[in-house]
């Protein structure tokens, strides 16, 4: 009788331990696969600017190749998991886009992609000078 009670208790303990461990593993799995809750807004803004300049016809893979960036890193850049690139990379991006590097720096610094693109599209030199802060 006592041995049966011990067997039942140990079985019950094993089942509880199994459930607890399983829940713990599920929690870890869910949090590991969860996307980054706060993407880098400046990176997303810079990607939006690249898309505005190059247009929707060019693929992300082609942009990554032109910029000499790994496709995986470019995907992470596109969704905002990758921080804003360093100045050397931004200079290469400006050369690839055929733009003044200081305009690309402004967008990477947080200036509105739409605003800078409209200044470039309209060839608004006084607006570009004001944006860059050379008017002072």
N, C-alpha and C. Protein backbone atom coordinates (compact mmCIF):
# COMPACT_ATOMS: atom_id res chain seq x y z
N UNK A 1 0.82 -1.18 0.00
CA UNK A 1 0.00 0.00 0.00
C UNK A 1 0.86 1.25 0.00
N UNK A 2 1.87 1.27 0.85
CA UNK A 2 2.76 2.43 0.94
C UNK A 2 3.58 2.54 -0.34
N UNK A 3 4.01 1.44 -0.87
CA UNK A 3 4.80 1.48 -2.10
C UNK A 3 3.96 2.01 -3.26
N UNK A 4 2.66 1.64 -3.29
CA UNK A 4 1.77 2.16 -4.34
C UNK A 4 1.62 3.67 -4.21
N UNK A 5 1.50 4.18 -2.99
CA UNK A 5 1.38 5.63 -2.77
C UNK A 5 2.66 6.34 -3.21
N UNK A 6 3.79 5.73 -2.92
CA UNK A 6 5.06 6.34 -3.32
C UNK A 6 5.18 6.34 -4.83
N UNK A 7 4.78 5.24 -5.47
CA UNK A 7 4.82 5.16 -6.93
C UNK A 7 3.92 6.22 -7.55
N UNK A 8 2.70 6.38 -7.00
CA UNK A 8 1.77 7.37 -7.53
C UNK A 8 2.33 8.78 -7.36
N UNK A 9 2.93 9.04 -6.19
CA UNK A 9 3.46 10.36 -5.93
C UNK A 9 4.65 10.66 -6.84
N UNK A 10 5.52 9.69 -7.01
CA UNK A 10 6.67 9.93 -7.87
C UNK A 10 6.24 10.09 -9.32
N UNK A 11 5.23 9.33 -9.73
CA UNK A 11 4.71 9.47 -11.09
C UNK A 11 4.10 10.85 -11.28
N UNK A 12 3.33 11.30 -10.28
CA UNK A 12 2.70 12.61 -10.33
C UNK A 12 3.77 13.70 -10.39
N UNK A 13 4.83 13.52 -9.61
CA UNK A 13 5.93 14.51 -9.61
C UNK A 13 6.62 14.56 -10.98
N UNK A 14 6.83 13.40 -11.55
CA UNK A 14 7.46 13.37 -12.87
C UNK A 14 6.60 14.06 -13.91
N UNK A 15 5.29 13.81 -13.86
CA UNK A 15 4.38 14.46 -14.81
C UNK A 15 4.40 15.98 -14.62
N UNK A 16 4.37 16.44 -13.39
CA UNK A 16 4.41 17.87 -13.12
C UNK A 16 5.73 18.49 -13.60
N UNK A 17 6.82 17.81 -13.33
CA UNK A 17 8.12 18.29 -13.78
C UNK A 17 8.18 18.36 -15.30
N UNK A 18 7.65 17.33 -15.96
CA UNK A 18 7.62 17.30 -17.41
C UNK A 18 6.83 18.50 -17.95
N UNK A 19 5.65 18.75 -17.39
CA UNK A 19 4.82 19.87 -17.85
C UNK A 19 5.53 21.21 -17.62
N UNK A 20 6.15 21.35 -16.47
CA UNK A 20 6.85 22.59 -16.15
C UNK A 20 8.01 22.81 -17.12
N UNK A 21 8.77 21.75 -17.36
CA UNK A 21 9.90 21.87 -18.29
C UNK A 21 9.42 22.17 -19.71
N UNK A 22 8.34 21.53 -20.12
CA UNK A 22 7.80 21.75 -21.45
C UNK A 22 7.33 23.20 -21.62
N UNK A 23 6.65 23.73 -20.61
CA UNK A 23 6.20 25.12 -20.67
C UNK A 23 7.38 26.07 -20.74
N UNK A 24 8.42 25.76 -19.97
CA UNK A 24 9.61 26.60 -19.98
C UNK A 24 10.25 26.59 -21.37
N UNK A 25 10.35 25.42 -21.98
CA UNK A 25 10.93 25.33 -23.32
C UNK A 25 10.07 26.06 -24.34
N UNK A 26 8.76 25.95 -24.23
CA UNK A 26 7.88 26.67 -25.15
C UNK A 26 8.04 28.18 -25.01
N UNK A 27 8.16 28.66 -23.79
CA UNK A 27 8.36 30.10 -23.58
C UNK A 27 9.66 30.55 -24.21
N UNK A 28 10.72 29.78 -24.03
CA UNK A 28 12.01 30.15 -24.62
C UNK A 28 11.94 30.15 -26.13
N UNK A 29 11.26 29.17 -26.71
CA UNK A 29 11.15 29.08 -28.15
C UNK A 29 10.36 30.26 -28.70
N UNK A 30 9.28 30.59 -28.05
CA UNK A 30 8.44 31.69 -28.53
C UNK A 30 9.20 33.01 -28.44
N UNK A 31 9.90 33.26 -27.36
CA UNK A 31 10.63 34.52 -27.24
C UNK A 31 11.83 34.57 -28.17
N UNK A 32 12.43 33.44 -28.47
CA UNK A 32 13.58 33.43 -29.36
C UNK A 32 13.16 33.76 -30.79
N UNK A 33 12.02 33.27 -31.23
CA UNK A 33 11.58 33.48 -32.61
C UNK A 33 10.76 34.75 -32.78
N UNK A 34 10.55 35.48 -31.73
CA UNK A 34 9.77 36.71 -31.81
C UNK A 34 10.59 37.78 -32.52
N UNK A 35 9.97 38.53 -33.46
CA UNK A 35 10.74 39.57 -34.14
C UNK A 35 11.15 40.68 -33.18
N UNK A 36 12.14 41.44 -33.61
CA UNK A 36 12.64 42.53 -32.80
C UNK A 36 11.52 43.54 -32.55
N UNK A 37 11.20 43.84 -31.29
CA UNK A 37 10.04 44.68 -31.01
C UNK A 37 10.23 46.14 -31.43
N UNK A 38 11.46 46.61 -31.47
CA UNK A 38 11.66 48.02 -31.82
C UNK A 38 12.70 48.14 -32.92
N UNK A 39 12.26 48.21 -34.18
CA UNK A 39 13.23 48.37 -35.25
C UNK A 39 13.88 49.74 -35.19
N UNK A 40 15.04 49.86 -35.80
CA UNK A 40 15.74 51.13 -35.85
C UNK A 40 14.99 52.04 -36.83
N UNK A 41 14.34 53.10 -36.35
CA UNK A 41 13.54 53.93 -37.26
C UNK A 41 14.40 54.64 -38.30
N UNK A 42 15.63 55.00 -37.97
CA UNK A 42 16.49 55.67 -38.94
C UNK A 42 16.88 54.73 -40.07
N UNK A 43 17.06 53.47 -39.75
CA UNK A 43 17.40 52.48 -40.78
C UNK A 43 16.23 52.27 -41.72
N UNK A 44 15.03 52.16 -41.16
CA UNK A 44 13.84 51.99 -41.99
C UNK A 44 13.65 53.22 -42.88
N UNK A 45 13.92 54.40 -42.34
CA UNK A 45 13.81 55.64 -43.11
C UNK A 45 14.83 55.65 -44.25
N UNK A 46 16.05 55.20 -43.98
CA UNK A 46 17.08 55.15 -45.01
C UNK A 46 16.70 54.16 -46.11
N UNK A 47 16.15 53.02 -45.73
CA UNK A 47 15.71 52.05 -46.75
C UNK A 47 14.58 52.65 -47.59
N UNK A 48 13.68 53.37 -46.95
CA UNK A 48 12.59 54.02 -47.70
C UNK A 48 13.17 55.01 -48.72
N UNK A 49 14.21 55.74 -48.31
CA UNK A 49 14.85 56.70 -49.22
C UNK A 49 15.48 55.97 -50.41
N UNK A 50 16.16 54.86 -50.14
CA UNK A 50 16.77 54.08 -51.22
C UNK A 50 15.69 53.64 -52.21
N UNK A 51 14.58 53.18 -51.68
CA UNK A 51 13.47 52.73 -52.53
C UNK A 51 12.89 53.89 -53.34
N UNK A 52 12.77 55.06 -52.74
CA UNK A 52 12.25 56.22 -53.47
C UNK A 52 13.18 56.60 -54.61
N UNK A 53 14.48 56.57 -54.37
CA UNK A 53 15.44 56.96 -55.40
C UNK A 53 15.51 55.92 -56.52
N UNK A 54 15.61 54.66 -56.16
CA UNK A 54 15.80 53.61 -57.18
C UNK A 54 14.49 53.13 -57.79
N UNK A 55 13.40 53.31 -57.10
CA UNK A 55 12.11 52.88 -57.63
C UNK A 55 11.78 51.45 -57.26
N UNK A 56 10.55 51.05 -57.52
CA UNK A 56 10.11 49.71 -57.13
C UNK A 56 10.55 48.60 -58.09
N UNK A 57 11.09 48.95 -59.25
CA UNK A 57 11.42 47.93 -60.25
C UNK A 57 12.67 47.12 -59.89
N UNK A 58 13.55 47.68 -59.11
CA UNK A 58 14.79 46.98 -58.76
C UNK A 58 14.55 46.13 -57.51
N UNK A 59 15.09 44.93 -57.51
CA UNK A 59 14.86 44.03 -56.38
C UNK A 59 15.82 44.34 -55.24
N UNK A 60 15.46 43.86 -54.07
CA UNK A 60 16.32 44.04 -52.90
C UNK A 60 17.66 43.33 -53.08
N UNK A 61 17.64 42.22 -53.76
CA UNK A 61 18.88 41.48 -54.03
C UNK A 61 19.83 42.30 -54.90
N UNK A 62 19.27 42.98 -55.91
CA UNK A 62 20.10 43.81 -56.78
C UNK A 62 20.67 45.01 -56.03
N UNK A 63 19.87 45.59 -55.14
CA UNK A 63 20.36 46.71 -54.34
C UNK A 63 21.51 46.24 -53.46
N UNK A 64 21.35 45.09 -52.84
CA UNK A 64 22.41 44.56 -51.98
C UNK A 64 23.68 44.30 -52.77
N UNK A 65 23.55 43.77 -53.97
CA UNK A 65 24.73 43.51 -54.80
C UNK A 65 25.41 44.81 -55.21
N UNK A 66 24.62 45.80 -55.62
CA UNK A 66 25.21 47.08 -56.02
C UNK A 66 25.93 47.75 -54.87
N UNK A 67 25.37 47.62 -53.69
CA UNK A 67 25.93 48.25 -52.50
C UNK A 67 27.05 47.40 -51.89
N UNK A 68 27.26 46.21 -52.48
CA UNK A 68 28.26 45.24 -51.99
C UNK A 68 27.99 44.87 -50.54
N UNK A 69 26.75 44.52 -50.28
CA UNK A 69 26.32 44.13 -48.94
C UNK A 69 25.76 42.72 -49.02
N UNK A 70 25.99 41.94 -48.01
CA UNK A 70 25.46 40.58 -47.94
C UNK A 70 23.94 40.65 -47.95
N UNK A 71 23.29 39.72 -48.65
CA UNK A 71 21.83 39.75 -48.78
C UNK A 71 21.13 39.59 -47.43
N UNK A 72 21.67 38.74 -46.58
CA UNK A 72 21.07 38.55 -45.26
C UNK A 72 21.15 39.84 -44.44
N UNK A 73 22.33 40.47 -44.47
CA UNK A 73 22.47 41.74 -43.75
C UNK A 73 21.56 42.81 -44.34
N UNK A 74 21.41 42.79 -45.67
CA UNK A 74 20.54 43.79 -46.29
C UNK A 74 19.09 43.55 -45.87
N UNK A 75 18.67 42.29 -45.76
CA UNK A 75 17.31 42.01 -45.29
C UNK A 75 17.12 42.56 -43.88
N UNK A 76 18.10 42.31 -43.00
CA UNK A 76 18.00 42.82 -41.64
C UNK A 76 18.03 44.35 -41.62
N UNK A 77 18.77 44.95 -42.53
CA UNK A 77 18.78 46.40 -42.67
C UNK A 77 17.39 46.89 -43.10
N UNK A 78 16.81 46.19 -44.06
CA UNK A 78 15.52 46.59 -44.63
C UNK A 78 14.40 46.57 -43.59
N UNK A 79 14.40 45.58 -42.72
CA UNK A 79 13.33 45.48 -41.71
C UNK A 79 13.65 46.24 -40.44
N UNK A 80 14.86 46.79 -40.34
CA UNK A 80 15.19 47.63 -39.20
C UNK A 80 15.93 46.94 -38.08
N UNK A 81 16.39 45.73 -38.29
CA UNK A 81 17.16 45.04 -37.24
C UNK A 81 18.63 45.40 -37.28
N UNK A 82 19.06 45.96 -38.38
CA UNK A 82 20.45 46.33 -38.58
C UNK A 82 20.58 47.83 -38.32
N UNK A 83 21.55 48.28 -37.56
CA UNK A 83 21.66 49.72 -37.28
C UNK A 83 22.08 50.51 -38.52
N UNK A 84 22.03 51.81 -38.43
CA UNK A 84 22.46 52.66 -39.54
C UNK A 84 23.94 52.38 -39.82
N UNK A 85 24.28 52.17 -41.09
CA UNK A 85 25.68 51.85 -41.42
C UNK A 85 26.64 52.99 -41.10
N UNK A 86 27.91 52.66 -41.06
CA UNK A 86 28.95 53.66 -40.79
C UNK A 86 29.12 54.59 -41.99
N UNK A 87 29.88 55.64 -41.78
CA UNK A 87 30.03 56.67 -42.81
C UNK A 87 30.62 56.13 -44.12
N UNK A 88 31.57 55.19 -44.03
CA UNK A 88 32.16 54.63 -45.25
C UNK A 88 31.10 53.93 -46.09
N UNK A 89 30.25 53.17 -45.41
CA UNK A 89 29.17 52.46 -46.12
C UNK A 89 28.16 53.45 -46.69
N UNK A 90 27.88 54.52 -45.95
CA UNK A 90 26.94 55.53 -46.45
C UNK A 90 27.53 56.27 -47.66
N UNK A 91 28.84 56.47 -47.66
CA UNK A 91 29.48 57.09 -48.84
C UNK A 91 29.35 56.18 -50.06
N UNK A 92 29.54 54.89 -49.87
CA UNK A 92 29.37 53.93 -50.97
C UNK A 92 27.93 53.95 -51.47
N UNK A 93 26.99 54.06 -50.52
CA UNK A 93 25.57 54.13 -50.90
C UNK A 93 25.31 55.38 -51.72
N UNK A 94 25.87 56.51 -51.32
CA UNK A 94 25.68 57.76 -52.05
C UNK A 94 26.24 57.65 -53.47
N UNK A 95 27.41 57.04 -53.61
CA UNK A 95 27.98 56.82 -54.95
C UNK A 95 27.09 55.92 -55.78
N UNK A 96 26.55 54.87 -55.15
CA UNK A 96 25.68 53.95 -55.87
C UNK A 96 24.41 54.66 -56.34
N UNK A 97 23.87 55.54 -55.50
CA UNK A 97 22.64 56.25 -55.85
C UNK A 97 22.91 57.44 -56.76
N UNK A 98 24.16 57.87 -56.84
CA UNK A 98 24.51 59.02 -57.66
C UNK A 98 24.08 60.33 -57.01
N UNK A 99 24.15 60.39 -55.68
CA UNK A 99 23.73 61.56 -54.93
C UNK A 99 24.88 62.13 -54.11
N UNK A 100 24.67 63.34 -53.64
CA UNK A 100 25.62 63.96 -52.73
C UNK A 100 25.63 63.18 -51.42
N UNK A 101 26.81 62.89 -50.92
CA UNK A 101 26.90 62.06 -49.72
C UNK A 101 26.28 62.75 -48.51
N UNK A 102 26.28 64.07 -48.48
CA UNK A 102 25.73 64.78 -47.33
C UNK A 102 24.21 64.66 -47.25
N UNK A 103 23.57 64.53 -48.41
CA UNK A 103 22.12 64.29 -48.39
C UNK A 103 21.81 62.91 -47.81
N UNK A 104 22.62 61.92 -48.17
CA UNK A 104 22.44 60.57 -47.62
C UNK A 104 22.71 60.58 -46.12
N UNK A 105 23.71 61.34 -45.69
CA UNK A 105 23.99 61.46 -44.26
C UNK A 105 22.80 62.06 -43.51
N UNK A 106 22.16 63.05 -44.12
CA UNK A 106 21.00 63.68 -43.48
C UNK A 106 19.86 62.68 -43.31
N UNK A 107 19.62 61.89 -44.35
CA UNK A 107 18.55 60.88 -44.25
C UNK A 107 18.91 59.84 -43.20
N UNK A 108 20.17 59.42 -43.17
CA UNK A 108 20.61 58.44 -42.16
C UNK A 108 20.53 59.03 -40.77
N UNK A 109 20.65 60.34 -40.66
CA UNK A 109 20.56 61.01 -39.37
C UNK A 109 19.14 61.22 -38.89
N UNK A 110 18.16 60.98 -39.75
CA UNK A 110 16.77 61.08 -39.31
C UNK A 110 15.92 62.05 -40.10
N UNK A 111 16.48 62.75 -41.09
CA UNK A 111 15.67 63.64 -41.92
C UNK A 111 14.66 62.81 -42.71
N UNK A 112 13.51 63.38 -42.97
CA UNK A 112 12.44 62.65 -43.66
C UNK A 112 12.88 62.23 -45.05
N UNK A 113 12.72 60.96 -45.37
CA UNK A 113 13.09 60.43 -46.68
C UNK A 113 12.28 61.10 -47.78
N UNK A 114 10.99 61.30 -47.53
CA UNK A 114 10.12 61.93 -48.54
C UNK A 114 10.55 63.36 -48.80
N UNK A 115 10.86 64.09 -47.76
CA UNK A 115 11.26 65.50 -47.90
C UNK A 115 12.54 65.63 -48.70
N UNK A 116 13.54 64.83 -48.37
CA UNK A 116 14.82 64.90 -49.08
C UNK A 116 14.64 64.45 -50.52
N UNK A 117 13.86 63.42 -50.75
CA UNK A 117 13.63 62.94 -52.11
C UNK A 117 12.93 64.01 -52.95
N UNK A 118 11.95 64.69 -52.37
CA UNK A 118 11.26 65.74 -53.12
C UNK A 118 12.21 66.90 -53.45
N UNK A 119 13.11 67.24 -52.54
CA UNK A 119 14.11 68.28 -52.82
C UNK A 119 15.01 67.87 -53.99
N UNK A 120 15.39 66.60 -54.02
CA UNK A 120 16.25 66.10 -55.10
C UNK A 120 15.49 66.06 -56.42
N UNK A 121 14.27 65.56 -56.36
CA UNK A 121 13.46 65.40 -57.57
C UNK A 121 13.16 66.75 -58.22
N UNK A 122 12.86 67.75 -57.39
CA UNK A 122 12.55 69.09 -57.91
C UNK A 122 13.80 69.91 -58.18
N UNK A 123 14.97 69.35 -57.86
CA UNK A 123 16.25 70.03 -58.00
C UNK A 123 16.22 71.38 -57.28
N UNK A 124 15.72 71.36 -56.07
CA UNK A 124 15.56 72.55 -55.24
C UNK A 124 16.86 72.79 -54.48
N UNK A 125 17.79 73.50 -55.11
CA UNK A 125 19.09 73.73 -54.48
C UNK A 125 19.00 74.57 -53.21
N UNK A 126 18.20 75.67 -53.20
CA UNK A 126 18.10 76.41 -51.93
C UNK A 126 17.54 75.56 -50.78
N UNK A 127 16.60 74.68 -51.09
CA UNK A 127 16.05 73.78 -50.07
C UNK A 127 17.09 72.78 -49.58
N UNK A 128 17.92 72.29 -50.51
CA UNK A 128 18.97 71.35 -50.12
C UNK A 128 20.02 72.04 -49.25
N UNK A 129 20.36 73.26 -49.62
CA UNK A 129 21.35 74.02 -48.84
C UNK A 129 20.81 74.28 -47.44
N UNK A 130 19.54 74.63 -47.36
CA UNK A 130 18.93 74.88 -46.05
C UNK A 130 18.89 73.59 -45.23
N UNK A 131 18.56 72.48 -45.87
CA UNK A 131 18.52 71.19 -45.17
C UNK A 131 19.89 70.83 -44.60
N UNK A 132 20.93 71.06 -45.39
CA UNK A 132 22.28 70.71 -44.96
C UNK A 132 22.85 71.70 -43.95
N UNK A 133 22.21 72.84 -43.81
CA UNK A 133 22.66 73.82 -42.83
C UNK A 133 23.77 74.71 -43.31
N UNK A 134 23.96 74.83 -44.63
CA UNK A 134 25.01 75.69 -45.18
C UNK A 134 24.55 77.14 -45.35
N UNK A 135 23.30 77.42 -45.07
CA UNK A 135 22.75 78.76 -45.28
C UNK A 135 23.09 79.73 -44.16
N UNK A 136 23.69 79.27 -43.11
CA UNK A 136 23.95 80.12 -41.94
C UNK A 136 25.17 80.98 -42.11
